[in-house]
N, C-alpha and C. Protein backbone atom coordinates (compact mmCIF):
# COMPACT_ATOMS: atom_id res chain seq x y z
N MET A 1 1.10 -1.05 0.00
CA MET A 1 -0.21 0.10 0.31
C MET A 1 0.91 1.34 0.04
N LYS A 2 0.20 2.31 -0.86
CA LYS A 2 1.25 3.34 -0.88
C LYS A 2 0.58 4.34 0.33
N ILE A 3 1.72 4.89 0.53
CA ILE A 3 1.57 5.94 2.01
C ILE A 3 0.80 7.28 1.10
N TYR A 4 1.14 7.57 0.13
CA TYR A 4 0.80 8.90 -0.64
C TYR A 4 -0.48 8.92 -1.94
N THR A 5 -0.88 9.70 -1.86
CA THR A 5 -2.82 8.93 -2.85
C THR A 5 -2.85 9.81 -3.65
N LYS A 6 -2.37 11.07 -3.20
CA LYS A 6 -2.19 12.22 -4.46
C LYS A 6 -3.95 13.14 -4.17
N THR A 7 -4.42 12.26 -4.00
CA THR A 7 -5.89 12.63 -3.49
C THR A 7 -6.20 14.19 -2.56
N GLY A 8 -5.01 14.52 -1.90
CA GLY A 8 -5.14 15.65 -0.92
C GLY A 8 -4.29 16.98 -1.91
N ASP A 9 -3.88 16.89 -3.04
CA ASP A 9 -3.07 17.55 -3.97
C ASP A 9 -3.44 19.06 -4.15
N GLN A 10 -4.76 18.76 -4.14
CA GLN A 10 -5.58 20.67 -4.21
C GLN A 10 -5.83 20.90 -2.80
N GLY A 11 -5.61 20.62 -2.04
CA GLY A 11 -5.95 21.01 -0.38
C GLY A 11 -7.27 20.48 0.22
N ILE A 12 -7.74 19.38 -0.64
CA ILE A 12 -9.11 19.25 -0.13
C ILE A 12 -8.68 17.61 0.78
N THR A 13 -9.62 17.23 1.63
CA THR A 13 -9.43 15.77 2.00
C THR A 13 -10.21 15.12 2.39
N SER A 14 -10.54 13.88 2.93
CA SER A 14 -11.81 13.28 3.33
C SER A 14 -11.85 12.76 4.63
N LEU A 15 -13.22 13.21 5.11
CA LEU A 15 -13.43 13.32 6.34
C LEU A 15 -14.23 11.18 6.75
N LEU A 16 -13.95 10.73 7.91
CA LEU A 16 -14.75 9.70 8.07
C LEU A 16 -16.25 9.88 7.78
N GLY A 17 -16.37 8.82 6.83
CA GLY A 17 -17.62 9.02 5.73
C GLY A 17 -17.73 9.81 4.50
N GLY A 18 -17.06 10.08 4.42
CA GLY A 18 -16.80 10.11 2.60
C GLY A 18 -17.00 12.03 2.67
N SER A 19 -17.12 12.50 3.36
CA SER A 19 -17.56 13.97 2.87
C SER A 19 -15.74 14.29 2.62
N ARG A 20 -16.13 15.38 1.60
CA ARG A 20 -14.33 15.89 1.34
C ARG A 20 -14.54 17.54 1.65
N VAL A 21 -13.42 17.88 2.49
CA VAL A 21 -13.69 19.64 3.08
C VAL A 21 -11.93 19.66 2.72
N PRO A 22 -12.12 21.29 2.69
CA PRO A 22 -10.94 21.86 3.17
C PRO A 22 -9.54 21.72 3.50
N LYS A 23 -8.61 21.44 3.59
CA LYS A 23 -7.66 20.84 4.96
C LYS A 23 -7.25 22.01 5.25
N SER A 24 -7.66 23.06 5.57
CA SER A 24 -8.34 24.53 6.34
C SER A 24 -9.60 24.10 6.92
N ASP A 25 -9.98 23.56 7.06
CA ASP A 25 -11.76 23.22 7.78
C ASP A 25 -11.38 22.61 9.32
N LEU A 26 -12.05 23.86 10.14
CA LEU A 26 -12.05 23.82 11.84
C LEU A 26 -11.75 21.99 11.59
N ARG A 27 -12.66 21.62 11.37
CA ARG A 27 -12.41 19.71 11.80
C ARG A 27 -11.24 19.24 11.25
N ILE A 28 -10.33 20.13 10.78
CA ILE A 28 -9.10 19.62 10.34
C ILE A 28 -8.46 19.98 11.22
N ASP A 29 -8.58 21.40 11.93
CA ASP A 29 -7.92 21.70 12.58
C ASP A 29 -7.64 21.11 14.01
N ALA A 30 -8.93 20.75 14.48
CA ALA A 30 -9.33 20.08 16.32
C ALA A 30 -8.34 19.11 15.32
N TYR A 31 -8.52 17.69 14.62
CA TYR A 31 -7.65 16.43 15.01
C TYR A 31 -7.08 16.85 14.22
N GLY A 32 -6.47 17.52 13.67
CA GLY A 32 -4.67 17.64 13.73
C GLY A 32 -4.22 18.41 14.43
N THR A 33 -4.65 18.80 15.67
CA THR A 33 -4.30 19.34 16.77
C THR A 33 -4.06 18.13 17.89
N VAL A 34 -5.34 17.79 18.07
CA VAL A 34 -4.60 16.36 18.68
C VAL A 34 -3.96 15.46 17.85
N ASP A 35 -3.64 14.80 17.13
CA ASP A 35 -2.49 14.77 16.68
C ASP A 35 -1.03 15.06 17.05
N GLU A 36 -1.63 16.48 16.87
CA GLU A 36 0.04 16.62 17.54
C GLU A 36 -0.11 16.80 18.77
N LEU A 37 -0.56 16.81 19.62
CA LEU A 37 -1.20 16.42 21.40
C LEU A 37 -0.73 15.45 21.34
N ASN A 38 -0.99 14.31 20.45
CA ASN A 38 -0.49 12.87 20.94
C ASN A 38 1.08 12.56 20.71
N SER A 39 1.32 13.57 19.75
CA SER A 39 2.53 13.16 19.55
C SER A 39 4.18 14.19 20.86
N TYR A 40 3.31 15.28 21.15
CA TYR A 40 3.70 15.26 22.76
C TYR A 40 3.79 13.94 23.85
N ILE A 41 2.47 13.71 23.88
CA ILE A 41 2.37 12.28 25.33
C ILE A 41 3.59 11.43 24.42
N GLY A 42 3.67 11.07 23.47
CA GLY A 42 4.11 9.95 22.91
C GLY A 42 6.02 10.92 23.65
N LEU A 43 6.53 12.44 23.47
CA LEU A 43 7.61 12.49 23.56
C LEU A 43 7.28 12.46 25.71
N LEU A 44 6.74 12.56 26.18
CA LEU A 44 6.70 11.95 27.47
C LEU A 44 6.84 11.12 28.01
N ARG A 45 6.19 10.13 26.85
CA ARG A 45 6.26 8.73 27.74
C ARG A 45 7.73 8.33 27.42
N ASP A 46 7.97 8.39 26.62
CA ASP A 46 9.82 8.17 26.24
C ASP A 46 10.90 9.07 27.23
N GLN A 47 10.49 10.30 28.27
CA GLN A 47 11.27 10.58 29.37
C GLN A 47 11.36 9.61 30.45
N ALA A 48 12.53 9.64 30.92
CA ALA A 48 12.66 8.55 31.68
C ALA A 48 12.04 8.49 33.12
N VAL A 49 11.33 9.64 33.39
CA VAL A 49 10.88 10.01 34.34
C VAL A 49 9.73 9.42 34.60
N ASN A 50 9.35 9.06 33.82
CA ASN A 50 8.22 8.57 33.08
C ASN A 50 7.76 7.26 33.28
N GLU A 51 9.10 6.72 33.11
CA GLU A 51 9.16 4.99 33.19
C GLU A 51 7.99 4.29 33.73
N LYS A 52 7.75 4.75 34.81
CA LYS A 52 6.20 3.90 35.45
C LYS A 52 5.05 4.33 35.35
N ARG A 53 4.91 5.05 34.63
CA ARG A 53 3.34 5.61 33.86
C ARG A 53 3.51 5.68 32.48
N THR A 54 4.34 4.61 31.93
CA THR A 54 4.23 4.48 30.51
C THR A 54 3.01 3.96 29.29
N GLU A 55 2.80 3.24 30.44
CA GLU A 55 1.11 2.44 29.99
C GLU A 55 0.45 2.81 30.10
N PHE A 56 0.00 3.85 30.82
CA PHE A 56 -0.60 5.20 31.23
C PHE A 56 -0.96 6.20 30.29
N LEU A 57 0.48 6.33 29.95
CA LEU A 57 0.14 7.69 28.83
C LEU A 57 0.28 7.13 27.33
N LYS A 58 0.37 5.84 27.10
CA LYS A 58 0.13 4.83 25.53
C LYS A 58 -1.53 4.66 26.08
N GLU A 59 -1.78 4.70 27.51
CA GLU A 59 -3.31 4.61 27.37
C GLU A 59 -4.19 6.04 26.85
N ILE A 60 -3.33 7.26 27.21
CA ILE A 60 -3.47 8.33 26.90
C ILE A 60 -3.62 8.39 25.38
N GLN A 61 -2.59 8.30 24.67
CA GLN A 61 -2.46 8.29 23.09
C GLN A 61 -3.57 7.51 22.54
N ASP A 62 -3.85 6.24 23.18
CA ASP A 62 -5.40 5.68 22.46
C ASP A 62 -6.10 6.53 22.44
N ARG A 63 -6.35 6.31 23.53
CA ARG A 63 -7.98 7.87 23.45
C ARG A 63 -7.85 9.04 22.65
N LEU A 64 -6.80 9.62 22.39
CA LEU A 64 -6.31 10.56 21.49
C LEU A 64 -6.44 10.01 20.19
N PHE A 65 -6.32 8.57 19.82
CA PHE A 65 -6.90 8.49 18.54
C PHE A 65 -8.16 7.97 18.78
N THR A 66 -9.01 7.74 19.42
CA THR A 66 -10.20 8.20 19.92
C THR A 66 -10.95 9.02 19.26
N LEU A 67 -10.89 9.84 20.16
CA LEU A 67 -10.82 11.42 19.87
C LEU A 67 -10.91 12.34 18.91
N GLY A 68 -9.46 11.76 18.29
CA GLY A 68 -8.98 12.21 16.93
C GLY A 68 -10.19 12.00 15.50
N ALA A 69 -11.02 10.62 15.72
CA ALA A 69 -11.35 9.41 15.10
C ALA A 69 -13.09 10.56 15.13
N ASP A 70 -13.59 10.62 16.49
CA ASP A 70 -14.78 11.66 16.85
C ASP A 70 -14.49 12.63 15.49
N LEU A 71 -13.47 13.03 16.01
CA LEU A 71 -13.57 14.79 15.54
C LEU A 71 -13.75 14.60 13.90
N ALA A 72 -12.40 13.56 13.31
CA ALA A 72 -12.38 12.85 12.17
C ALA A 72 -13.83 12.68 11.49
N THR A 73 -14.81 12.22 11.89
CA THR A 73 -16.16 11.83 11.17
C THR A 73 -17.23 13.22 11.24
N ALA A 74 -17.23 12.92 9.61
CA ALA A 74 -18.14 14.10 8.86
C ALA A 74 -19.56 14.34 9.67
N PRO A 75 -20.14 15.14 10.61
CA PRO A 75 -21.56 15.30 10.72
C PRO A 75 -22.30 14.31 10.21
N GLY A 76 -23.61 13.66 11.08
CA GLY A 76 -24.43 12.98 10.36
C GLY A 76 -24.00 11.92 9.77
N LYS A 77 -22.70 11.40 10.39
CA LYS A 77 -22.16 10.22 9.40
C LYS A 77 -22.26 9.26 10.59
N ASP A 78 -23.28 9.26 11.29
CA ASP A 78 -22.94 7.84 13.06
C ASP A 78 -22.90 6.55 12.78
N LYS A 79 -23.05 6.15 11.48
CA LYS A 79 -22.89 4.96 11.19
C LYS A 79 -21.89 4.41 10.83
N VAL A 80 -20.91 5.35 11.32
CA VAL A 80 -19.30 5.06 10.89
C VAL A 80 -18.96 4.23 11.91
N LYS A 81 -18.00 3.05 11.75
CA LYS A 81 -17.33 2.27 12.91
C LYS A 81 -16.27 2.91 13.26
N LYS A 82 -16.33 3.76 14.70
CA LYS A 82 -15.40 3.83 15.02
C LYS A 82 -15.13 4.02 16.72
N PRO A 83 -14.18 3.78 17.17
CA PRO A 83 -14.05 3.67 18.44
C PRO A 83 -14.89 4.43 19.06
N ASP A 84 -15.00 3.92 20.86
CA ASP A 84 -16.43 4.65 21.20
C ASP A 84 -15.48 5.29 22.66
N LEU A 85 -15.72 6.84 23.53
CA LEU A 85 -14.80 7.44 24.21
C LEU A 85 -16.11 7.07 25.50
N HIS A 86 -15.62 6.77 26.59
CA HIS A 86 -16.60 6.50 27.56
C HIS A 86 -16.17 7.58 28.79
N GLN A 87 -16.47 8.04 30.03
CA GLN A 87 -16.95 8.91 30.74
C GLN A 87 -15.62 8.39 31.61
N GLU A 88 -15.64 6.97 31.52
CA GLU A 88 -14.90 6.77 32.30
C GLU A 88 -13.42 6.80 32.36
N ASP A 89 -13.09 7.09 30.82
CA ASP A 89 -12.19 7.84 30.25
C ASP A 89 -11.57 9.48 31.18
N VAL A 90 -12.81 9.41 31.20
CA VAL A 90 -12.05 11.02 31.94
C VAL A 90 -11.97 11.07 33.52
N GLU A 91 -12.61 9.71 34.09
CA GLU A 91 -12.50 9.40 35.14
C GLU A 91 -10.62 8.66 35.98
N LEU A 92 -10.72 8.31 34.83
CA LEU A 92 -9.82 7.54 35.20
C LEU A 92 -7.97 8.29 35.31
N LEU A 93 -8.88 9.83 34.59
CA LEU A 93 -7.45 11.04 34.71
C LEU A 93 -7.84 11.79 35.86
N GLU A 94 -9.24 12.03 36.14
CA GLU A 94 -9.11 12.29 37.82
C GLU A 94 -8.83 11.84 38.72
N GLN A 95 -8.80 10.12 38.24
CA GLN A 95 -8.13 9.45 39.71
C GLN A 95 -6.85 9.56 40.01
N GLU A 96 -6.53 9.57 38.63
CA GLU A 96 -4.73 9.38 38.62
C GLU A 96 -4.24 11.17 39.66
N MET A 97 -5.04 12.05 38.88
CA MET A 97 -4.73 13.24 39.11
C MET A 97 -4.39 13.47 40.92
N ASP A 98 -5.47 12.70 41.63
CA ASP A 98 -5.63 12.48 43.06
C ASP A 98 -4.68 11.53 43.40
N GLN A 99 -4.20 10.76 42.86
CA GLN A 99 -3.65 10.25 43.48
C GLN A 99 -2.27 10.93 43.68
N MET A 100 -1.37 11.99 42.66
CA MET A 100 -0.59 12.12 42.53
C MET A 100 -0.90 13.40 42.89
N GLN A 101 -1.63 14.86 43.56
CA GLN A 101 -1.68 15.36 44.12
C GLN A 101 -1.38 14.86 45.52
N GLU A 102 -2.13 13.66 46.14
CA GLU A 102 -1.50 13.49 47.24
C GLU A 102 0.04 13.77 47.99
N LEU A 103 1.00 13.37 46.89
CA LEU A 103 2.13 13.21 47.26
C LEU A 103 2.70 14.87 46.98
N LEU A 104 1.87 15.92 46.23
CA LEU A 104 2.83 17.09 45.73
C LEU A 104 2.20 17.77 47.40
N PRO A 105 2.99 19.03 47.24
CA PRO A 105 3.03 20.38 48.02
C PRO A 105 1.66 21.26 47.74
N PRO A 106 0.95 21.47 48.86
CA PRO A 106 -0.50 22.61 47.53
C PRO A 106 0.71 23.28 47.14
N LEU A 107 -0.59 23.66 46.01
CA LEU A 107 -0.09 24.81 45.15
C LEU A 107 -0.09 26.20 45.75
N ALA A 108 1.04 27.24 45.70
CA ALA A 108 1.22 28.51 46.03
C ALA A 108 1.15 29.55 45.22
N ALA A 109 1.39 28.81 44.12
CA ALA A 109 1.40 29.97 43.05
C ALA A 109 1.47 29.37 41.78
N PHE A 110 1.53 30.49 41.07
CA PHE A 110 1.52 29.56 39.39
C PHE A 110 2.71 29.36 39.09
N ILE A 111 2.66 28.39 38.38
CA ILE A 111 3.53 27.59 37.86
C ILE A 111 4.17 28.11 36.65
N VAL A 112 5.41 28.70 36.46
CA VAL A 112 6.32 29.08 35.18
C VAL A 112 7.24 27.89 34.35
N PRO A 113 6.11 27.38 33.49
CA PRO A 113 7.04 26.27 32.74
C PRO A 113 8.68 26.46 32.05
N GLY A 114 9.32 25.04 32.67
CA GLY A 114 10.81 24.95 32.87
C GLY A 114 11.29 24.42 34.44
N GLY A 115 12.36 24.40 34.06
CA GLY A 115 12.91 23.85 35.11
C GLY A 115 13.96 22.37 35.36
N HIS A 116 12.93 21.73 33.90
CA HIS A 116 14.06 21.07 33.22
C HIS A 116 13.46 20.21 32.46
N GLN A 117 13.90 19.79 31.16
CA GLN A 117 13.54 19.49 30.20
C GLN A 117 12.61 18.93 29.96
N SER A 118 12.36 17.80 30.64
CA SER A 118 11.36 16.38 30.57
C SER A 118 9.84 17.31 31.04
N VAL A 119 10.05 18.25 32.15
CA VAL A 119 9.14 19.66 33.21
C VAL A 119 8.30 20.11 31.78
N SER A 120 9.31 20.59 31.09
CA SER A 120 8.92 21.42 29.78
C SER A 120 8.65 21.04 28.83
N PHE A 121 8.73 19.44 28.49
CA PHE A 121 8.19 18.67 27.60
C PHE A 121 6.22 18.97 28.13
N CYS A 122 6.01 18.69 28.93
CA CYS A 122 4.50 17.99 29.95
C CYS A 122 4.52 19.42 29.67
N HIS A 123 4.75 20.41 29.92
CA HIS A 123 3.99 22.26 29.63
C HIS A 123 3.10 22.86 28.56
N LEU A 124 4.73 22.06 27.36
CA LEU A 124 4.78 21.59 26.09
C LEU A 124 3.34 20.87 25.47
N ALA A 125 3.07 19.88 26.04
CA ALA A 125 1.24 18.86 26.19
C ALA A 125 0.29 19.70 26.60
N ARG A 126 0.78 20.57 27.27
CA ARG A 126 -0.44 21.13 28.37
C ARG A 126 -1.09 22.24 27.24
N THR A 127 -0.49 22.99 26.69
CA THR A 127 -0.65 23.86 25.95
C THR A 127 -1.12 23.84 24.44
N VAL A 128 -0.60 22.70 24.00
CA VAL A 128 -1.36 22.07 23.36
C VAL A 128 -2.59 21.68 23.49
N CYS A 129 -2.88 20.36 24.60
CA CYS A 129 -3.84 19.77 24.82
C CYS A 129 -5.05 21.02 25.09
N ARG A 130 -4.43 22.08 25.54
CA ARG A 130 -5.85 23.49 25.89
C ARG A 130 -5.79 23.77 24.33
N ARG A 131 -4.79 24.25 23.66
CA ARG A 131 -5.55 24.13 22.35
C ARG A 131 -6.25 23.98 21.52
N ALA A 132 -5.70 22.61 21.20
CA ALA A 132 -7.18 21.46 21.00
C ALA A 132 -8.49 21.73 21.56
N GLU A 133 -8.43 21.56 22.90
CA GLU A 133 -9.53 22.29 23.81
C GLU A 133 -10.99 23.20 22.84
N ARG A 134 -10.06 24.79 22.88
CA ARG A 134 -10.32 25.94 22.73
C ARG A 134 -10.72 25.57 20.40
N ILE A 135 -9.99 24.71 19.99
CA ILE A 135 -10.27 24.46 18.43
C ILE A 135 -12.30 23.57 18.23
N ALA A 136 -12.04 23.16 19.06
CA ALA A 136 -13.22 22.18 19.52
C ALA A 136 -14.07 22.81 20.02
N VAL A 137 -14.23 23.49 20.93
CA VAL A 137 -15.30 24.43 20.86
C VAL A 137 -15.27 25.46 20.38
N GLU A 138 -14.65 25.90 19.54
CA GLU A 138 -15.00 26.83 18.23
C GLU A 138 -15.84 25.72 17.34
N LEU A 139 -15.22 24.42 16.77
CA LEU A 139 -15.86 24.26 16.21
C LEU A 139 -17.59 23.44 16.67
N THR A 140 -17.94 23.33 17.79
CA THR A 140 -19.32 23.01 18.39
C THR A 140 -19.76 24.42 17.89
N SER A 141 -19.99 25.83 17.75
CA SER A 141 -20.65 26.49 16.81
C SER A 141 -21.02 27.34 15.59
N VAL A 142 -19.91 25.88 14.71
CA VAL A 142 -20.43 25.30 13.64
C VAL A 142 -20.82 23.85 13.26
N GLU A 143 -20.58 23.28 13.96
CA GLU A 143 -21.06 21.27 13.44
C GLU A 143 -21.34 20.94 15.33
N PRO A 144 -21.50 19.95 15.52
CA PRO A 144 -21.85 19.30 16.43
C PRO A 144 -19.93 18.24 17.03
N VAL A 145 -19.92 18.86 18.00
CA VAL A 145 -18.90 17.90 18.48
C VAL A 145 -19.45 16.90 20.01
N SER A 146 -18.81 15.85 19.96
CA SER A 146 -19.43 15.97 21.35
C SER A 146 -19.06 15.53 22.86
N ASP A 147 -19.85 16.06 24.01
CA ASP A 147 -19.41 16.59 24.84
C ASP A 147 -18.28 16.34 25.52
N LEU A 148 -18.43 15.10 25.66
CA LEU A 148 -16.99 14.17 25.84
C LEU A 148 -16.10 14.05 25.58
N VAL A 149 -15.62 14.90 24.18
CA VAL A 149 -14.72 15.01 23.82
C VAL A 149 -14.31 16.58 24.18
N ILE A 150 -14.84 17.26 24.52
CA ILE A 150 -14.03 18.75 25.19
C ILE A 150 -13.72 18.21 26.44
N GLN A 151 -15.09 17.42 26.91
CA GLN A 151 -14.54 17.19 29.03
C GLN A 151 -13.33 16.40 28.75
N TYR A 152 -13.07 15.37 27.86
CA TYR A 152 -11.66 14.53 28.06
C TYR A 152 -10.48 15.60 27.54
N LEU A 153 -10.72 16.74 26.96
CA LEU A 153 -9.26 17.58 26.55
C LEU A 153 -9.32 18.37 27.51
N ASN A 154 -10.57 18.41 28.78
CA ASN A 154 -10.39 19.90 29.72
C ASN A 154 -9.61 19.15 30.52
N ARG A 155 -9.54 17.70 31.25
CA ARG A 155 -9.38 16.83 31.57
C ARG A 155 -7.79 16.60 31.40
N LEU A 156 -7.39 16.21 30.62
CA LEU A 156 -6.52 15.92 29.86
C LEU A 156 -5.70 17.07 30.41
N SER A 157 -5.66 18.84 29.76
CA SER A 157 -4.73 19.57 30.58
C SER A 157 -4.43 19.58 31.67
N ASP A 158 -5.74 19.11 32.25
CA ASP A 158 -5.11 19.46 33.84
C ASP A 158 -4.48 18.40 34.10
N PHE A 159 -4.84 17.20 33.90
CA PHE A 159 -3.70 15.98 34.19
C PHE A 159 -2.15 16.43 34.18
N LEU A 160 -2.36 16.58 32.71
CA LEU A 160 -0.74 17.47 32.34
C LEU A 160 -0.31 18.99 33.54
N PHE A 161 -1.09 19.44 33.64
CA PHE A 161 -0.34 20.24 34.38
C PHE A 161 0.04 19.35 35.85
N VAL A 162 -1.07 18.85 36.34
CA VAL A 162 -0.49 17.81 37.62
C VAL A 162 0.75 17.22 37.05
N LEU A 163 0.78 16.60 36.28
CA LEU A 163 2.24 15.67 35.71
C LEU A 163 3.54 16.26 35.69
N GLY A 164 2.94 17.13 35.13
CA GLY A 164 4.09 18.50 35.31
C GLY A 164 4.65 18.94 36.73
N ARG A 165 3.52 18.66 37.73
CA ARG A 165 4.83 19.09 38.93
C ARG A 165 5.12 17.65 39.18
N MET A 166 4.22 16.98 39.33
CA MET A 166 4.66 15.36 39.64
C MET A 166 5.92 15.34 39.53
N MET A 167 6.57 15.50 37.67
CA MET A 167 7.58 14.70 37.52
C MET A 167 8.67 16.36 37.57
N ALA A 168 8.45 17.15 38.86
CA ALA A 168 9.08 18.28 38.81
C ALA A 168 9.82 17.09 40.60
N HIS A 169 8.75 17.39 40.76
CA HIS A 169 8.64 16.20 42.11
C HIS A 169 9.61 15.43 42.85
N GLU A 170 9.30 14.46 41.03
CA GLU A 170 10.03 13.29 41.28
C GLU A 170 11.65 13.09 40.96
N LEU A 171 11.80 14.23 39.95
CA LEU A 171 12.89 14.88 38.75
C LEU A 171 13.80 15.61 40.55
N LYS A 172 13.46 16.26 41.53
CA LYS A 172 13.87 16.72 42.67
C LYS A 172 14.24 18.40 42.39
N VAL A 173 13.13 18.53 41.46
CA VAL A 173 14.01 20.01 40.84
C VAL A 173 13.15 20.89 41.18
N ASP A 174 13.12 22.51 41.60
CA ASP A 174 12.34 23.49 42.25
C ASP A 174 11.38 23.33 40.91
N GLU A 175 10.30 24.35 41.05
CA GLU A 175 8.85 24.38 40.64
C GLU A 175 9.54 25.90 40.50
N VAL A 176 8.95 26.60 38.92
CA VAL A 176 9.43 27.87 38.66
C VAL A 176 8.18 28.07 38.77
N THR A 177 8.16 29.28 39.90
CA THR A 177 7.03 30.39 39.89
C THR A 177 7.32 31.40 40.05
N TRP A 178 5.86 31.40 39.51
CA TRP A 178 6.01 33.54 38.67
C TRP A 178 6.06 34.33 40.04
N ASN A 179 6.45 35.61 40.00
CA ASN A 179 6.93 36.47 40.84
C ASN A 179 6.13 37.69 40.74
N PRO A 180 5.09 38.14 40.43
CA PRO A 180 5.07 39.23 39.80
C PRO A 180 5.26 40.67 40.41
N ARG A 181 6.02 41.40 38.80
CA ARG A 181 6.30 42.54 39.32
C ARG A 181 4.84 43.51 40.11
N ASN A 182 4.73 44.01 40.84
CA ASN A 182 3.82 45.12 41.53
C ASN A 182 4.25 46.73 41.68
N LYS A 183 4.65 47.36 40.12
CA LYS A 183 4.84 48.69 39.80
C LYS A 183 3.54 49.59 39.82
């Protein structure tokens, strides 16, 4: 099977269900940003500090493929066979956050991204996740998007924030905090 099809050479691509749309379509931007996020999660999974979280991060990547399939499905094409996202997927992120937060000191200031390369990768993933969420929310003003897709992205960005704190804790590096100027 060839990777290139030449069907997108004119700036048009297919959604699941067969509809053809411009590659600049908001739906394409939404699932493309989820794909970018998935790459950053892979980068996080490859960090030594996350060795014990490899399987959980792989589970998140699997859910992002599920979420991307949902976003890549043309509106009204409900019969397209695709994997399902479940409320339990959101709850699993919440449980993981709760477990990590039990080990972390209370948050006393805004966190500035940085302090260690691995932690910085986590903050990059978090900001891409927030962008994916914003695009998915914007898409809801044009076409239907599953509430669960937006909820998962929202919770995942929270998870990535807590994970960044946990990684700093495990790496024994100080979190960089914001000290605003007051002039």
